[in-house]
């Protein structure tokens, strides 16, 4: 992958430990980030504004297919991770293959899990796991007016079989 921000799980745990020793808060954001759009940028900017080291967990291709169906992702996971890592607000990126980020939350124990405005604090699927690990959930970003699915539907039209 060639980017010092893109880490494997073991490397990420070590980096988190170093950051914690230096007094930094750990913030986790996650998503597919298939076609990067302004909603993603605002979500990650809002997460970083919580004040800490921002880790972005990017869904691996197989979990995207399970969540979104055939034809997705549009871009391979390694490329999506590289694009997210290029953003100034992002301190680390990890690709995960599980259906959700619960296992990763247990591994790194973030102080804050940042979720987009398509959630409420009560509707975040992993909120109980975050709380069990001593963290809290924060809703950040702009209203959910942007989505890759909608961009594909409205701007690119239906995909050929």
C-alpha atoms as a PDB file:
ATOM      1  CA  UNK A   1       0.000   0.000   0.000  1.00  0.00           C
ATOM      2  CA  UNK A   2       2.955   2.304   0.484  1.00  0.00           C
ATOM      3  CA  UNK A   3       1.391   4.769   2.916  1.00  0.00           C
ATOM      4  CA  UNK A   4       2.612   5.116   6.502  1.00  0.00           C
ATOM      5  CA  UNK A   5      -0.930   5.943   7.660  1.00  0.00           C
ATOM      6  CA  UNK A   6      -2.344   2.614   6.417  1.00  0.00           C
ATOM      7  CA  UNK A   7      -1.780   0.040   9.118  1.00  0.00           C
ATOM      8  CA  UNK A   8      -2.483  -3.614   9.805  1.00  0.00           C
ATOM      9  CA  UNK A   9      -4.327  -4.488  13.002  1.00  0.00           C
ATOM     10  CA  UNK A  10      -1.171  -5.258  15.030  1.00  0.00           C
ATOM     11  CA  UNK A  11       0.535  -2.071  13.846  1.00  0.00           C
ATOM     12  CA  UNK A  12      -2.591  -0.102  14.702  1.00  0.00           C
ATOM     13  CA  UNK A  13      -2.712  -1.488  18.257  1.00  0.00           C
ATOM     14  CA  UNK A  14       0.944  -0.480  18.736  1.00  0.00           C
ATOM     15  CA  UNK A  15       0.335   3.011  17.320  1.00  0.00           C
ATOM     16  CA  UNK A  16      -2.715   3.487  19.578  1.00  0.00           C
ATOM     17  CA  UNK A  17      -0.661   2.455  22.599  1.00  0.00           C
ATOM     18  CA  UNK A  18       2.027   5.012  21.683  1.00  0.00           C
ATOM     19  CA  UNK A  19      -0.564   7.752  21.183  1.00  0.00           C
ATOM     20  CA  UNK A  20      -2.228   6.956  24.507  1.00  0.00           C
ATOM     21  CA  UNK A  21       1.137   7.084  26.306  1.00  0.00           C
ATOM     22  CA  UNK A  22       1.606  10.585  24.916  1.00  0.00           C
ATOM     23  CA  UNK A  23      -1.820  11.629  26.219  1.00  0.00           C
ATOM     24  CA  UNK A  24      -3.820  11.601  22.975  1.00  0.00           C
ATOM     25  CA  UNK A  25      -7.502  10.708  22.766  1.00  0.00           C
ATOM     26  CA  UNK A  26      -8.378   7.999  20.251  1.00  0.00           C
ATOM     27  CA  UNK A  27     -11.269   8.629  17.856  1.00  0.00           C
ATOM     28  CA  UNK A  28     -12.618   5.908  15.568  1.00  0.00           C
ATOM     29  CA  UNK A  29     -14.645   6.586  12.427  1.00  0.00           C
ATOM     30  CA  UNK A  30     -15.663   3.896   9.977  1.00  0.00           C
ATOM     31  CA  UNK A  31     -17.300   3.424   6.623  1.00  0.00           C
ATOM     32  CA  UNK A  32     -17.081   2.192   3.072  1.00  0.00           C
ATOM     33  CA  UNK A  33     -15.784   5.419   1.445  1.00  0.00           C
ATOM     34  CA  UNK A  34     -16.432   3.999  -2.024  1.00  0.00           C
ATOM     35  CA  UNK A  35     -16.556   7.226  -4.019  1.00  0.00           C
ATOM     36  CA  UNK A  36     -15.175   9.906  -1.741  1.00  0.00           C
ATOM     37  CA  UNK A  37     -17.570  12.856  -1.594  1.00  0.00           C
ATOM     38  CA  UNK A  38     -18.059  16.025   0.430  1.00  0.00           C
ATOM     39  CA  UNK A  39     -20.208  14.201   2.997  1.00  0.00           C
ATOM     40  CA  UNK A  40     -17.245  11.934   3.797  1.00  0.00           C
ATOM     41  CA  UNK A  41     -14.902  14.915   4.122  1.00  0.00           C
ATOM     42  CA  UNK A  42     -17.304  16.726   6.476  1.00  0.00           C
ATOM     43  CA  UNK A  43     -17.828  13.557   8.549  1.00  0.00           C
ATOM     44  CA  UNK A  44     -14.084  13.018   8.990  1.00  0.00           C
ATOM     45  CA  UNK A  45     -13.455  16.718   9.663  1.00  0.00           C
ATOM     46  CA  UNK A  46     -16.148  16.607  12.355  1.00  0.00           C
ATOM     47  CA  UNK A  47     -14.585  13.492  13.860  1.00  0.00           C
ATOM     48  CA  UNK A  48     -11.129  15.085  13.977  1.00  0.00           C
ATOM     49  CA  UNK A  49     -12.610  18.211  15.587  1.00  0.00           C
ATOM     50  CA  UNK A  50     -13.471  16.063  18.625  1.00  0.00           C
ATOM     51  CA  UNK A  51      -9.800  16.474  19.511  1.00  0.00           C
ATOM     52  CA  UNK A  52      -7.557  13.461  19.195  1.00  0.00           C
ATOM     53  CA  UNK A  53      -5.979  10.979  16.831  1.00  0.00           C
ATOM     54  CA  UNK A  54      -8.440   9.972  14.123  1.00  0.00           C
ATOM     55  CA  UNK A  55      -8.430   6.346  13.006  1.00  0.00           C
ATOM     56  CA  UNK A  56     -10.609   5.495  10.022  1.00  0.00           C
ATOM     57  CA  UNK A  57     -11.700   1.877   9.585  1.00  0.00           C
ATOM     58  CA  UNK A  58     -12.548   1.135   5.942  1.00  0.00           C
ATOM     59  CA  UNK A  59     -14.744  -1.841   5.060  1.00  0.00           C
ATOM     60  CA  UNK A  60     -12.939  -4.523   3.048  1.00  0.00           C
ATOM     61  CA  UNK A  61     -14.381  -5.411  -0.351  1.00  0.00           C
ATOM     62  CA  UNK A  62     -16.125  -8.584   0.861  1.00  0.00           C
ATOM     63  CA  UNK A  63     -17.961  -6.740   3.635  1.00  0.00           C
ATOM     64  CA  UNK A  64     -19.004  -4.007   1.167  1.00  0.00           C
ATOM     65  CA  UNK A  65     -20.502  -6.649  -1.137  1.00  0.00           C
ATOM     66  CA  UNK A  66     -22.375  -8.175   1.812  1.00  0.00           C
ATOM     67  CA  UNK A  67     -23.739  -4.750   2.814  1.00  0.00           C
ATOM     68  CA  UNK A  68     -24.372  -3.161  -0.605  1.00  0.00           C
ATOM     69  CA  UNK A  69     -24.718  -6.068  -3.051  1.00  0.00           C
ATOM     70  CA  UNK A  70     -23.129  -6.965  -6.364  1.00  0.00           C
ATOM     71  CA  UNK A  71     -21.426  -4.147  -8.233  1.00  0.00           C
ATOM     72  CA  UNK A  72     -20.022  -2.623  -5.058  1.00  0.00           C
ATOM     73  CA  UNK A  73     -17.539  -1.516  -4.133  1.00  0.00           C
ATOM     74  CA  UNK A  74     -16.795   0.593  -7.179  1.00  0.00           C
ATOM     75  CA  UNK A  75     -13.172   0.959  -6.053  1.00  0.00           C
ATOM     76  CA  UNK A  76     -11.015  -1.731  -4.379  1.00  0.00           C
ATOM     77  CA  UNK A  77     -10.369  -1.486  -0.644  1.00  0.00           C
ATOM     78  CA  UNK A  78      -6.668  -0.698  -0.971  1.00  0.00           C
ATOM     79  CA  UNK A  79      -7.444   2.310  -3.166  1.00  0.00           C
ATOM     80  CA  UNK A  80     -10.252   3.506  -0.883  1.00  0.00           C
ATOM     81  CA  UNK A  81      -7.862   3.266   2.087  1.00  0.00           C
ATOM     82  CA  UNK A  82      -5.160   5.200   0.229  1.00  0.00           C
ATOM     83  CA  UNK A  83      -7.560   8.010  -0.678  1.00  0.00           C
ATOM     84  CA  UNK A  84      -8.854   8.288   2.911  1.00  0.00           C
ATOM     85  CA  UNK A  85      -5.265   8.243   4.233  1.00  0.00           C
ATOM     86  CA  UNK A  86      -4.437  11.208   1.978  1.00  0.00           C
ATOM     87  CA  UNK A  87      -6.837  13.443   3.935  1.00  0.00           C
ATOM     88  CA  UNK A  88      -5.090  15.753   6.388  1.00  0.00           C
ATOM     89  CA  UNK A  89      -7.589  15.074   9.209  1.00  0.00           C
ATOM     90  CA  UNK A  90      -6.856  11.322   9.171  1.00  0.00           C
ATOM     91  CA  UNK A  91      -4.068   9.952  11.383  1.00  0.00           C
ATOM     92  CA  UNK A  92      -4.401   6.236  10.563  1.00  0.00           C
ATOM     93  CA  UNK A  93      -6.416   3.923   8.331  1.00  0.00           C
ATOM     94  CA  UNK A  94      -7.140   0.234   8.808  1.00  0.00           C
ATOM     95  CA  UNK A  95      -9.118  -2.043   6.489  1.00  0.00           C
ATOM     96  CA  UNK A  96     -11.445  -4.465   8.294  1.00  0.00           C
ATOM     97  CA  UNK A  97     -13.283  -7.494   6.928  1.00  0.00           C
ATOM     98  CA  UNK A  98     -15.823  -8.117   9.695  1.00  0.00           C
ATOM     99  CA  UNK A  99     -19.465  -7.087   9.150  1.00  0.00           C
ATOM    100  CA  UNK A 100     -19.098  -4.287  11.730  1.00  0.00           C
ATOM    101  CA  UNK A 101     -16.389  -2.619  13.827  1.00  0.00           C
ATOM    102  CA  UNK A 102     -17.115  -4.301  17.186  1.00  0.00           C
ATOM    103  CA  UNK A 103     -13.944  -6.446  17.097  1.00  0.00           C
ATOM    104  CA  UNK A 104     -11.827  -3.410  16.235  1.00  0.00           C
ATOM    105  CA  UNK A 105     -13.460  -1.399  19.040  1.00  0.00           C
ATOM    106  CA  UNK A 106     -12.502  -4.149  21.486  1.00  0.00           C
ATOM    107  CA  UNK A 107      -8.922  -4.139  20.160  1.00  0.00           C
ATOM    108  CA  UNK A 108      -8.222  -0.402  20.282  1.00  0.00           C
ATOM    109  CA  UNK A 109     -10.797   0.790  22.860  1.00  0.00           C
ATOM    110  CA  UNK A 110     -11.435   4.226  21.311  1.00  0.00           C
ATOM    111  CA  UNK A 111     -12.334   7.111  23.588  1.00  0.00           C
ATOM    112  CA  UNK A 112     -14.887   8.197  20.992  1.00  0.00           C
ATOM    113  CA  UNK A 113     -16.584   6.430  18.112  1.00  0.00           C
ATOM    114  CA  UNK A 114     -17.658   9.075  15.601  1.00  0.00           C
ATOM    115  CA  UNK A 115     -20.656   8.245  13.439  1.00  0.00           C
ATOM    116  CA  UNK A 116     -22.379  10.251  10.724  1.00  0.00           C
ATOM    117  CA  UNK A 117     -25.679  12.060  10.970  1.00  0.00           C
ATOM    118  CA  UNK A 118     -27.560   9.127   9.456  1.00  0.00           C
ATOM    119  CA  UNK A 119     -27.349   7.768  13.035  1.00  0.00           C
ATOM    120  CA  UNK A 120     -28.458   8.996  16.432  1.00  0.00           C
ATOM    121  CA  UNK A 121     -26.455   8.121  19.537  1.00  0.00           C
ATOM    122  CA  UNK A 122     -29.165   5.564  20.356  1.00  0.00           C
ATOM    123  CA  UNK A 123     -29.167   3.928  16.902  1.00  0.00           C
ATOM    124  CA  UNK A 124     -25.401   3.305  16.557  1.00  0.00           C
ATOM    125  CA  UNK A 125     -25.162  -0.510  16.314  1.00  0.00           C
ATOM    126  CA  UNK A 126     -21.863  -0.706  18.205  1.00  0.00           C
ATOM    127  CA  UNK A 127     -22.696   1.776  20.976  1.00  0.00           C
ATOM    128  CA  UNK A 128     -22.934  -0.918  23.674  1.00  0.00           C
ATOM    129  CA  UNK A 129     -19.478  -2.234  22.727  1.00  0.00           C
ATOM    130  CA  UNK A 130     -18.063   1.313  22.787  1.00  0.00           C
ATOM    131  CA  UNK A 131     -19.542   1.855  26.266  1.00  0.00           C
ATOM    132  CA  UNK A 132     -18.232  -1.532  27.503  1.00  0.00           C
ATOM    133  CA  UNK A 133     -14.751  -0.402  26.429  1.00  0.00           C
ATOM    134  CA  UNK A 134     -15.068   2.899  28.309  1.00  0.00           C
ATOM    135  CA  UNK A 135     -15.786   5.132  25.320  1.00  0.00           C
ATOM    136  CA  UNK A 136     -18.672   7.208  24.056  1.00  0.00           C
ATOM    137  CA  UNK A 137     -20.411   7.767  20.723  1.00  0.00           C
ATOM    138  CA  UNK A 138     -20.494  11.175  19.010  1.00  0.00           C
ATOM    139  CA  UNK A 139     -22.560  12.110  15.955  1.00  0.00           C
ATOM    140  CA  UNK A 140     -20.617  14.376  13.584  1.00  0.00           C
ATOM    141  CA  UNK A 141     -20.710  15.779  10.054  1.00  0.00           C
ATOM    142  CA  UNK A 142     -23.337  17.474   7.972  1.00  0.00           C
ATOM    143  CA  UNK A 143     -26.875  16.216   7.349  1.00  0.00           C
ATOM    144  CA  UNK A 144     -26.884  12.991   5.350  1.00  0.00           C
ATOM    145  CA  UNK A 145     -27.513  14.688   1.989  1.00  0.00           C
ATOM    146  CA  UNK A 146     -24.764  12.800   0.174  1.00  0.00           C
ATOM    147  CA  UNK A 147     -24.223   9.103  -0.452  1.00  0.00           C
ATOM    148  CA  UNK A 148     -22.230   7.031  -2.889  1.00  0.00           C
ATOM    149  CA  UNK A 149     -25.349   4.981  -3.687  1.00  0.00           C
ATOM    150  CA  UNK A 150     -27.245   8.146  -4.620  1.00  0.00           C
ATOM    151  CA  UNK A 151     -24.318   9.468  -6.691  1.00  0.00           C
ATOM    152  CA  UNK A 152     -24.235   6.207  -8.625  1.00  0.00           C
ATOM    153  CA  UNK A 153     -28.020   6.263  -9.145  1.00  0.00           C
ATOM    154  CA  UNK A 154     -28.419   9.914 -10.080  1.00  0.00           C
ATOM    155  CA  UNK A 155     -25.204  10.770 -11.908  1.00  0.00           C
ATOM    156  CA  UNK A 156     -23.947   7.567 -13.382  1.00  0.00           C
ATOM    157  CA  UNK A 157     -27.288   5.931 -14.139  1.00  0.00           C
ATOM    158  CA  UNK A 158     -28.071   2.239 -13.849  1.00  0.00           C
ATOM    159  CA  UNK A 159     -25.108  -0.076 -14.259  1.00  0.00           C
ATOM    160  CA  UNK A 160     -24.996  -2.500 -17.126  1.00  0.00           C
ATOM    161  CA  UNK A 161     -25.223  -6.183 -16.079  1.00  0.00           C
END
